[in-house]
Amino acid sequence: MPTSDLVSGLTTSLSNSVDNSGRSPGAALATRHFFFPLQQFQRTVTKKDRTTFPVDGQLLMVLPRASASLKNPDVQLPILRSDEDGYYLEVRVEADPNETSELALTRRIPLENLTAEEWEDLKQQYAQLDLQTCTDQGISKGLEKIQDRRIQRLFMALLTFLNPRQVSIVLYLYKLAAQQGNGPQVTFRSNDLLESLGYTRTKDGGFASKLRSQLNRDLVALHRTELVLAQSLRKGNNIGAKVIIKSVLRIKDYEIDNVPRDFDLVKAADYTYELADAYTVSLEFFEGPGRTGDYVLFASDIDISQKLGSNAKNDYATKLLIYLASRLKWDTPQDGQFLAISKQYLFKNLDLLGSNSSRNNQIFWRTVEELQQQGYILGAQELPGKKKASIIQFQINPEKLQAN
């Protein structure tokens, strides 16, 4: 897609977006309540370390859309595209005209150094992608007919981009950035990150090769997947847009402890099961609280450990936490902590898109309770909205999550 067309399309979606999601914080009647014993909770909070770390507002505003899955009705089918700048594997997320936070963007992986023959082979492999199976039975199942491991992993990286495990990695890196004080540049040991993710060490003190390989693939996905979006610009009475192309992070350097061990960053992500021992990355959305004042503060005691034996896509607590943080930036919270959000958009952004409404409700309220137990939510209640569209009003605990 030419850049001019991209700007035009994104500008249209920005200028036409309106918010009529039925949010009504002042609705008098509650149809469902989920408020909790605040005195008990407040006694617990005072004993906690209140230190926080900032995450850039622009990143949080786009994270829910950048991570949208194939099940999301706004997500288009992945395509292969070529232009004068190169070859791309990309997914387009269309804007929802009824909700300003549901912005349009494209996530894409540049396919570098491809020959014409490799491009034709890639198109043949693409034809083997079973998108219906990906949606119904899982992405791994839908990729089974693709024989080339590199192409299979490229599709996997694009279709699972910014899953809750990768989002947890991003939060870990922002926390380190605040501790290290080197601006967007962060240096970390791989084993320290794996330990923070809650994984168990092997007898020799390391981690299983499957976990190490997955971490390198996650880091490379965050490094080479680009987000293409528009930032609105007001010029007089006109609204325009400029196109932003950013990765979540860029890997600047990596270290191998035991040389001469042969390690290639991208080759390891595409073909093998390896991990470097240390990485230095640059957080591409990082502006710093001192430069823009646009950020959300997260409590530094955030738990990013992964549940044993659980698929990252089922980590609804992380999905809801990030969505609430995003809406703190999109909306104007009442008294700084009350958010009212359409239930429709909550379910959409939690991937609760199945027809079993009872199951969806159970998962949602169980997730709300989980975030309450972690201290992020003080209460939640279901309110009647316009045209019978329910909304959920949250009371956010500013000690754990606060927009600036």
Protein backbone atom coordinates (compact mmCIF):
# COMPACT_ATOMS: atom_id res chain seq x y z
CA MET A 1 0.00 0.00 0.00
CA PRO A 2 1.56 3.38 -1.01
CA THR A 3 2.29 5.72 1.89
CA SER A 4 -0.08 8.35 0.53
CA ASP A 5 -2.98 5.87 0.55
CA LEU A 6 -2.06 4.79 4.05
CA VAL A 7 -2.09 8.36 5.32
CA SER A 8 -5.40 9.02 3.58
CA GLY A 9 -7.06 5.93 5.02
CA LEU A 10 -5.76 6.49 8.51
CA THR A 11 -6.64 10.19 8.44
CA THR A 12 -10.21 9.33 7.45
CA SER A 13 -10.56 6.84 10.28
CA LEU A 14 -9.19 9.35 12.77
CA SER A 15 -11.35 12.26 11.68
CA ASN A 16 -14.51 10.16 11.47
CA SER A 17 -14.08 8.41 14.83
CA VAL A 18 -16.65 9.26 17.46
CA ASP A 19 -17.30 7.80 20.88
CA ASN A 20 -20.88 6.62 21.27
CA SER A 21 -20.17 3.40 23.10
CA GLY A 22 -22.82 4.13 25.66
CA ARG A 23 -20.50 4.98 28.54
CA SER A 24 -22.41 6.58 31.37
CA PRO A 25 -20.50 6.86 34.67
CA GLY A 26 -23.39 8.62 36.31
CA ALA A 27 -26.03 5.98 35.62
CA ALA A 28 -28.12 5.70 38.74
CA LEU A 29 -29.13 2.05 38.68
CA ALA A 30 -26.64 -0.79 38.86
CA THR A 31 -27.66 -4.14 37.44
CA ARG A 32 -24.60 -5.90 38.81
CA HIS A 33 -22.15 -5.00 41.56
CA PHE A 34 -18.69 -6.29 42.23
CA PHE A 35 -17.42 -4.02 44.98
CA PHE A 36 -15.17 -5.39 47.66
CA PRO A 37 -14.39 -4.84 51.35
CA LEU A 38 -12.35 -1.65 51.01
CA GLN A 39 -11.20 -1.39 54.63
CA GLN A 40 -9.61 -4.82 54.43
CA PHE A 41 -8.00 -3.93 51.13
CA GLN A 42 -6.70 -0.57 52.35
CA ARG A 43 -4.96 -2.19 55.31
CA THR A 44 -3.14 -4.47 52.86
CA VAL A 45 -2.06 -1.62 50.56
CA THR A 46 -0.36 0.35 53.32
CA LYS A 47 2.02 -2.54 53.90
CA LYS A 48 3.11 -2.70 50.24
CA ASP A 49 6.01 -0.97 48.59
CA ARG A 50 4.42 1.97 46.76
CA THR A 51 7.21 2.49 44.24
CA THR A 52 6.12 2.64 40.64
CA PHE A 53 7.53 2.73 37.13
CA PRO A 54 6.18 4.63 34.09
CA VAL A 55 5.09 3.11 30.77
CA ASP A 56 4.68 5.46 27.80
CA GLY A 57 1.11 6.55 27.11
CA GLN A 58 1.37 6.24 23.33
CA LEU A 59 2.46 2.60 23.62
CA LEU A 60 -0.39 1.78 26.00
CA MET A 61 -2.91 3.49 23.73
CA VAL A 62 -1.99 1.19 20.83
CA LEU A 63 -1.19 -2.05 22.68
CA PRO A 64 -4.72 -3.55 22.66
CA ARG A 65 -5.04 -2.94 18.91
CA ALA A 66 -1.49 -4.03 18.13
CA SER A 67 -2.16 -7.33 19.90
CA ALA A 68 -5.61 -7.99 18.38
CA SER A 69 -6.05 -11.66 17.45
CA LEU A 70 -7.50 -13.25 14.32
CA LYS A 71 -10.80 -13.69 16.17
CA ASN A 72 -11.21 -9.92 16.47
CA PRO A 73 -13.71 -8.75 13.81
CA ASP A 74 -11.51 -5.75 12.98
CA VAL A 75 -8.51 -7.92 12.07
CA GLN A 76 -8.08 -8.59 8.37
CA LEU A 77 -6.51 -11.70 6.89
CA PRO A 78 -2.69 -11.67 6.81
CA ILE A 79 -1.26 -10.81 3.42
CA LEU A 80 2.05 -10.82 1.59
CA ARG A 81 2.83 -7.43 0.08
CA SER A 82 5.63 -5.99 -1.99
CA ASP A 83 6.41 -2.40 -2.93
CA GLU A 84 9.42 -0.32 -3.90
CA ASP A 85 10.70 -0.53 -0.32
CA GLY A 86 10.66 -4.31 -0.01
CA TYR A 87 8.58 -7.34 0.92
CA TYR A 88 6.26 -7.61 3.91
CA LEU A 89 4.12 -10.08 5.78
CA GLU A 90 1.40 -8.00 7.41
CA VAL A 91 -1.95 -7.86 9.17
CA ARG A 92 -4.26 -4.87 9.01
CA VAL A 93 -6.48 -3.91 11.96
CA GLU A 94 -9.36 -1.71 10.79
CA ALA A 95 -10.74 1.14 12.90
CA ASP A 96 -14.08 0.83 14.67
CA PRO A 97 -15.99 4.04 13.87
CA ASN A 98 -18.03 3.77 17.07
CA GLU A 99 -15.10 3.88 19.51
CA THR A 100 -12.12 6.23 19.26
CA SER A 101 -9.79 3.88 21.13
CA GLU A 102 -10.32 1.20 18.45
CA LEU A 103 -7.89 2.85 16.06
CA ALA A 104 -6.56 1.50 12.78
CA LEU A 105 -3.04 0.16 12.45
CA THR A 106 -0.95 -2.37 10.58
CA ARG A 107 1.53 -4.77 12.09
CA ARG A 108 4.09 -6.11 9.66
CA ILE A 109 7.32 -8.06 9.42
CA PRO A 110 9.76 -6.79 6.78
CA LEU A 111 11.15 -9.72 4.80
CA GLU A 112 14.72 -8.70 4.14
CA ASN A 113 17.18 -9.98 1.55
CA LEU A 114 14.63 -12.09 -0.31
CA THR A 115 15.42 -13.21 -3.84
CA ALA A 116 12.67 -13.36 -6.45
CA GLU A 117 12.76 -17.15 -6.17
CA GLU A 118 12.36 -17.02 -2.39
CA TRP A 119 9.46 -14.61 -2.77
CA GLU A 120 7.66 -17.04 -5.09
CA ASP A 121 8.32 -19.89 -2.68
CA LEU A 122 6.93 -17.81 0.17
CA LYS A 123 3.73 -17.20 -1.79
CA GLN A 124 3.34 -20.94 -2.35
CA GLN A 125 3.83 -21.60 1.36
CA TYR A 126 1.31 -18.84 2.17
CA ALA A 127 -1.29 -20.74 0.15
CA GLN A 128 -0.95 -23.60 2.64
CA LEU A 129 -2.00 -21.38 5.57
CA ASP A 130 -5.36 -22.60 6.90
CA LEU A 131 -6.81 -19.46 8.47
CA GLN A 132 -10.12 -21.05 9.40
CA THR A 133 -8.31 -23.74 11.36
CA CYS A 134 -6.13 -21.05 12.97
CA THR A 135 -9.30 -19.38 14.25
CA ASP A 136 -11.23 -22.52 15.22
CA GLN A 137 -8.53 -24.89 16.48
CA GLY A 138 -5.50 -22.71 17.18
CA ILE A 139 -2.69 -21.15 15.18
CA SER A 140 -0.29 -24.10 15.53
CA LYS A 141 -2.89 -26.39 13.96
CA GLY A 142 -3.51 -23.96 11.11
CA LEU A 143 0.22 -23.80 10.31
CA GLU A 144 0.76 -27.56 10.12
CA LYS A 145 0.69 -27.72 6.31
CA ILE A 146 3.51 -25.17 6.01
CA GLN A 147 6.70 -27.21 5.76
CA ASP A 148 9.31 -24.47 5.92
CA ARG A 149 10.13 -23.84 9.61
CA ARG A 150 11.21 -20.23 9.00
CA ILE A 151 7.96 -19.32 7.24
CA GLN A 152 5.95 -21.16 9.88
CA ARG A 153 7.65 -19.20 12.65
CA LEU A 154 7.20 -15.90 10.79
CA PHE A 155 3.45 -16.48 10.60
CA MET A 156 3.39 -17.55 14.24
CA ALA A 157 5.25 -14.38 15.27
CA LEU A 158 2.86 -12.12 13.34
CA LEU A 159 -0.36 -13.85 14.41
CA THR A 160 0.56 -14.08 18.12
CA PHE A 161 2.26 -10.69 18.33
CA LEU A 162 2.09 -8.99 21.73
CA ASN A 163 0.41 -11.92 23.41
CA PRO A 164 0.21 -11.56 27.21
CA ARG A 165 3.62 -13.21 27.72
CA GLN A 166 5.28 -10.71 25.38
CA VAL A 167 3.41 -7.85 27.06
CA SER A 168 4.76 -9.10 30.40
CA ILE A 169 8.28 -8.96 28.92
CA VAL A 170 7.67 -5.35 27.81
CA LEU A 171 6.51 -4.39 31.32
CA TYR A 172 9.62 -6.05 32.79
CA LEU A 173 11.83 -4.01 30.45
CA TYR A 174 10.06 -0.73 31.32
CA LYS A 175 10.55 -1.52 34.99
CA LEU A 176 14.27 -2.11 34.34
CA ALA A 177 14.47 1.14 32.36
CA ALA A 178 13.22 3.03 35.41
CA GLN A 179 15.78 1.28 37.63
CA GLN A 180 18.77 1.63 35.28
CA GLY A 181 18.13 5.26 34.33
CA ASN A 182 19.65 5.04 30.84
CA GLY A 183 16.63 6.36 28.99
CA PRO A 184 15.23 3.90 26.45
CA GLN A 185 18.27 1.60 26.62
CA VAL A 186 17.93 -1.48 28.81
CA THR A 187 20.42 -4.27 29.50
CA PHE A 188 19.35 -7.55 31.06
CA ARG A 189 20.40 -11.15 31.63
CA SER A 190 18.21 -13.74 29.93
CA ASN A 191 18.10 -15.97 33.00
CA ASP A 192 16.94 -13.07 35.18
CA LEU A 193 14.02 -12.44 32.82
CA LEU A 194 13.12 -16.14 32.66
CA GLU A 195 13.16 -16.26 36.45
CA SER A 196 10.91 -13.20 36.67
CA LEU A 197 8.51 -14.95 34.29
CA GLY A 198 8.18 -17.63 36.94
CA TYR A 199 9.92 -20.48 35.14
CA THR A 200 11.71 -23.21 37.08
CA ARG A 201 15.45 -23.71 36.73
CA THR A 202 16.92 -27.05 35.73
CA LYS A 203 19.37 -28.95 37.95
CA ASP A 204 22.35 -27.20 36.36
CA GLY A 205 20.92 -23.78 37.26
CA GLY A 206 19.74 -22.89 33.77
CA PHE A 207 16.42 -23.18 31.99
CA ALA A 208 14.92 -25.70 29.57
CA SER A 209 15.90 -25.17 25.93
CA LYS A 210 12.22 -24.79 24.96
CA LEU A 211 11.83 -21.82 27.33
CA ARG A 212 15.11 -20.25 26.18
CA SER A 213 14.14 -20.62 22.54
CA GLN A 214 10.71 -19.12 23.16
CA LEU A 215 12.24 -16.09 24.86
CA ASN A 216 14.55 -15.38 21.93
CA ARG A 217 11.63 -15.71 19.50
CA ASP A 218 9.58 -13.32 21.64
CA LEU A 219 12.39 -10.77 21.71
CA VAL A 220 13.02 -11.02 17.96
CA ALA A 221 9.27 -10.67 17.29
CA LEU A 222 9.17 -7.48 19.38
CA HIS A 223 12.31 -6.31 17.53
CA ARG A 224 11.37 -6.86 13.91
CA THR A 225 7.57 -6.53 13.88
CA GLU A 226 6.72 -2.96 12.91
CA LEU A 227 3.60 -1.07 13.89
CA VAL A 228 2.31 1.36 11.27
CA LEU A 229 -0.22 3.87 12.58
CA ALA A 230 -1.35 7.45 12.22
CA GLN A 231 -0.94 10.20 14.73
CA SER A 232 -3.56 12.91 14.36
CA LEU A 233 -2.38 16.45 13.72
CA ARG A 234 -4.61 19.51 13.97
CA LYS A 235 -3.74 22.31 11.56
CA GLY A 236 -6.19 25.16 12.02
CA ASN A 237 -9.65 23.73 11.41
CA ASN A 238 -8.34 20.64 9.64
CA ILE A 239 -7.32 17.29 11.09
CA GLY A 240 -4.45 15.56 9.37
CA ALA A 241 -2.18 12.68 10.27
CA LYS A 242 1.41 11.63 10.08
CA VAL A 243 2.40 8.00 9.71
CA ILE A 244 4.43 6.46 12.52
CA ILE A 245 6.42 3.27 11.95
CA LYS A 246 7.86 1.80 15.14
CA SER A 247 8.85 -1.49 16.66
CA VAL A 248 8.14 -2.05 20.34
CA LEU A 249 11.87 -2.50 20.87
CA ARG A 250 15.09 -2.86 18.90
CA ILE A 251 17.81 -5.29 19.91
CA LYS A 252 21.04 -3.30 19.90
CA ASP A 253 23.47 -5.90 21.22
CA TYR A 254 23.66 -9.35 22.75
CA GLU A 255 26.28 -11.36 24.63
CA ILE A 256 27.31 -14.99 24.64
CA ASP A 257 29.04 -16.25 27.78
CA ASN A 258 30.69 -19.35 26.38
CA VAL A 259 32.59 -18.54 23.21
CA PRO A 260 33.18 -19.72 20.54
CA ARG A 261 29.51 -20.69 20.68
CA ASP A 262 27.91 -20.05 17.30
CA PHE A 263 24.83 -17.86 17.72
CA ASP A 264 22.88 -15.85 15.16
CA LEU A 265 19.97 -13.83 16.53
CA VAL A 266 17.56 -14.13 13.60
CA LYS A 267 18.64 -17.64 12.63
CA ALA A 268 17.90 -18.75 16.19
CA ALA A 269 14.43 -17.20 15.99
CA ASP A 270 13.64 -18.75 12.61
CA TYR A 271 15.28 -22.15 12.74
CA THR A 272 16.92 -23.25 15.99
CA TYR A 273 16.36 -23.36 19.76
CA GLU A 274 18.90 -20.91 21.18
CA LEU A 275 19.08 -17.81 23.36
CA ALA A 276 21.80 -15.25 23.97
CA ASP A 277 22.89 -14.86 27.60
CA ALA A 278 22.34 -11.09 27.76
CA TYR A 279 20.68 -8.44 25.60
CA THR A 280 20.73 -4.68 25.26
CA VAL A 281 17.55 -3.27 23.78
CA SER A 282 16.12 0.15 23.02
CA LEU A 283 12.44 0.78 23.84
CA GLU A 284 11.21 2.51 20.69
CA PHE A 285 8.12 4.14 22.24
CA PHE A 286 10.12 5.44 25.20
CA GLU A 287 9.83 9.18 25.70
CA GLY A 288 10.46 9.35 29.42
CA PRO A 289 8.18 11.01 31.97
CA GLY A 290 10.37 14.10 31.98
CA ARG A 291 9.95 14.73 28.25
CA THR A 292 6.24 14.37 27.56
CA GLY A 293 4.49 13.70 30.86
CA ASP A 294 2.40 11.14 28.97
CA TYR A 295 2.57 7.86 30.87
CA VAL A 296 0.84 5.43 33.18
CA LEU A 297 2.41 4.41 36.47
CA PHE A 298 2.44 0.69 37.30
CA ALA A 299 3.24 -0.65 40.76
CA SER A 300 6.77 -2.07 40.78
CA ASP A 301 5.58 -5.20 42.58
CA ILE A 302 3.74 -6.29 39.43
CA ASP A 303 3.68 -10.08 39.05
CA ILE A 304 4.56 -11.19 35.51
CA SER A 305 5.00 -14.89 36.31
CA GLN A 306 3.39 -17.21 33.78
CA LYS A 307 0.94 -19.86 34.92
CA LEU A 308 2.42 -23.34 34.63
CA GLY A 309 0.92 -25.30 31.73
CA SER A 310 -1.28 -22.40 30.61
CA ASN A 311 -1.37 -20.92 27.11
CA ALA A 312 -0.44 -17.23 27.05
CA LYS A 313 -3.61 -16.42 25.11
CA ASN A 314 -5.67 -17.45 28.17
CA ASP A 315 -3.99 -14.89 30.45
CA TYR A 316 -7.09 -12.73 30.69
CA ALA A 317 -5.80 -10.85 33.73
CA THR A 318 -2.89 -9.33 31.78
CA LYS A 319 -5.21 -8.52 28.86
CA LEU A 320 -7.65 -6.71 31.13
CA LEU A 321 -4.90 -4.90 33.04
CA ILE A 322 -3.40 -3.52 29.83
CA TYR A 323 -6.81 -2.62 28.43
CA LEU A 324 -7.67 -0.68 31.58
CA ALA A 325 -4.29 1.09 31.45
CA SER A 326 -4.96 1.95 27.81
CA ARG A 327 -8.40 3.34 28.58
CA LEU A 328 -6.92 5.46 31.38
CA LYS A 329 -5.11 7.29 28.56
CA TRP A 330 -7.99 7.36 26.08
CA ASP A 331 -10.67 8.40 28.56
CA THR A 332 -10.94 10.97 31.33
CA PRO A 333 -11.41 8.90 34.49
CA GLN A 334 -13.96 10.34 36.90
CA ASP A 335 -12.15 11.48 40.05
CA GLY A 336 -9.02 10.02 38.51
CA GLN A 337 -10.03 6.42 39.13
CA PHE A 338 -13.53 5.63 37.81
CA LEU A 339 -13.68 4.19 34.29
CA ALA A 340 -16.92 3.28 32.51
CA ILE A 341 -16.40 1.00 29.51
CA SER A 342 -18.82 -0.71 27.17
CA LYS A 343 -19.09 -4.41 27.99
CA GLN A 344 -19.02 -5.07 24.26
CA TYR A 345 -15.53 -3.58 23.93
CA LEU A 346 -14.27 -5.23 27.09
CA PHE A 347 -15.22 -8.65 25.75
CA LYS A 348 -13.83 -7.80 22.32
CA ASN A 349 -10.44 -6.83 23.74
CA LEU A 350 -10.33 -9.88 26.02
CA ASP A 351 -11.01 -12.16 23.03
CA LEU A 352 -14.28 -13.27 24.63
CA LEU A 353 -15.90 -13.44 21.21
CA GLY A 354 -17.62 -16.82 21.32
CA SER A 355 -21.39 -17.29 21.33
CA ASN A 356 -21.43 -18.81 24.83
CA SER A 357 -22.38 -15.68 26.78
CA SER A 358 -22.53 -17.53 30.09
CA ARG A 359 -18.92 -18.71 29.71
CA ASN A 360 -17.81 -15.25 28.61
CA ASN A 361 -19.40 -13.65 31.66
CA GLN A 362 -17.87 -16.19 34.01
CA ILE A 363 -14.39 -15.63 32.60
CA PHE A 364 -14.82 -11.86 32.70
CA TRP A 365 -15.97 -11.60 36.32
CA ARG A 366 -13.39 -14.16 37.42
CA THR A 367 -10.74 -11.98 35.77
CA VAL A 368 -12.09 -8.87 37.50
CA GLU A 369 -11.85 -10.70 40.81
CA GLU A 370 -8.26 -11.74 40.03
CA LEU A 371 -7.24 -8.12 39.42
CA GLN A 372 -9.02 -7.15 42.62
CA GLN A 373 -7.00 -9.71 44.54
CA GLN A 374 -3.84 -8.24 42.99
CA GLY A 375 -4.95 -4.77 44.10
CA TYR A 376 -5.50 -3.10 40.71
CA ILE A 377 -9.29 -2.87 40.96
CA LEU A 378 -11.15 -1.63 44.03
CA GLY A 379 -14.56 -2.40 42.56
CA ALA A 380 -16.63 -2.98 39.45
CA GLN A 381 -20.32 -2.82 38.67
CA GLU A 382 -22.49 -3.42 35.63
CA LEU A 383 -24.66 -0.47 34.62
CA PRO A 384 -27.43 -0.18 32.02
CA GLY A 385 -26.28 1.78 28.99
CA LYS A 386 -27.91 3.30 25.94
CA LYS A 387 -29.91 0.95 23.71
CA LYS A 388 -29.65 -1.81 26.32
CA ALA A 389 -25.86 -1.87 25.89
CA SER A 390 -24.37 -2.66 29.28
CA ILE A 391 -21.33 -0.84 30.56
CA ILE A 392 -18.96 -1.78 33.34
CA GLN A 393 -17.80 0.87 35.78
CA PHE A 394 -14.42 0.17 37.37
CA GLN A 395 -12.84 1.83 40.35
CA ILE A 396 -9.10 1.70 39.71
CA ASN A 397 -6.68 1.69 42.63
CA PRO A 398 -4.32 4.65 41.96
CA GLU A 399 -1.71 3.07 44.24
CA LYS A 400 -1.27 0.32 41.63
CA LEU A 401 -2.27 1.95 38.31
CA GLN A 402 -2.38 5.67 37.65
CA ALA A 403 -2.42 7.78 34.51
CA ASN A 404 -0.47 11.01 34.32
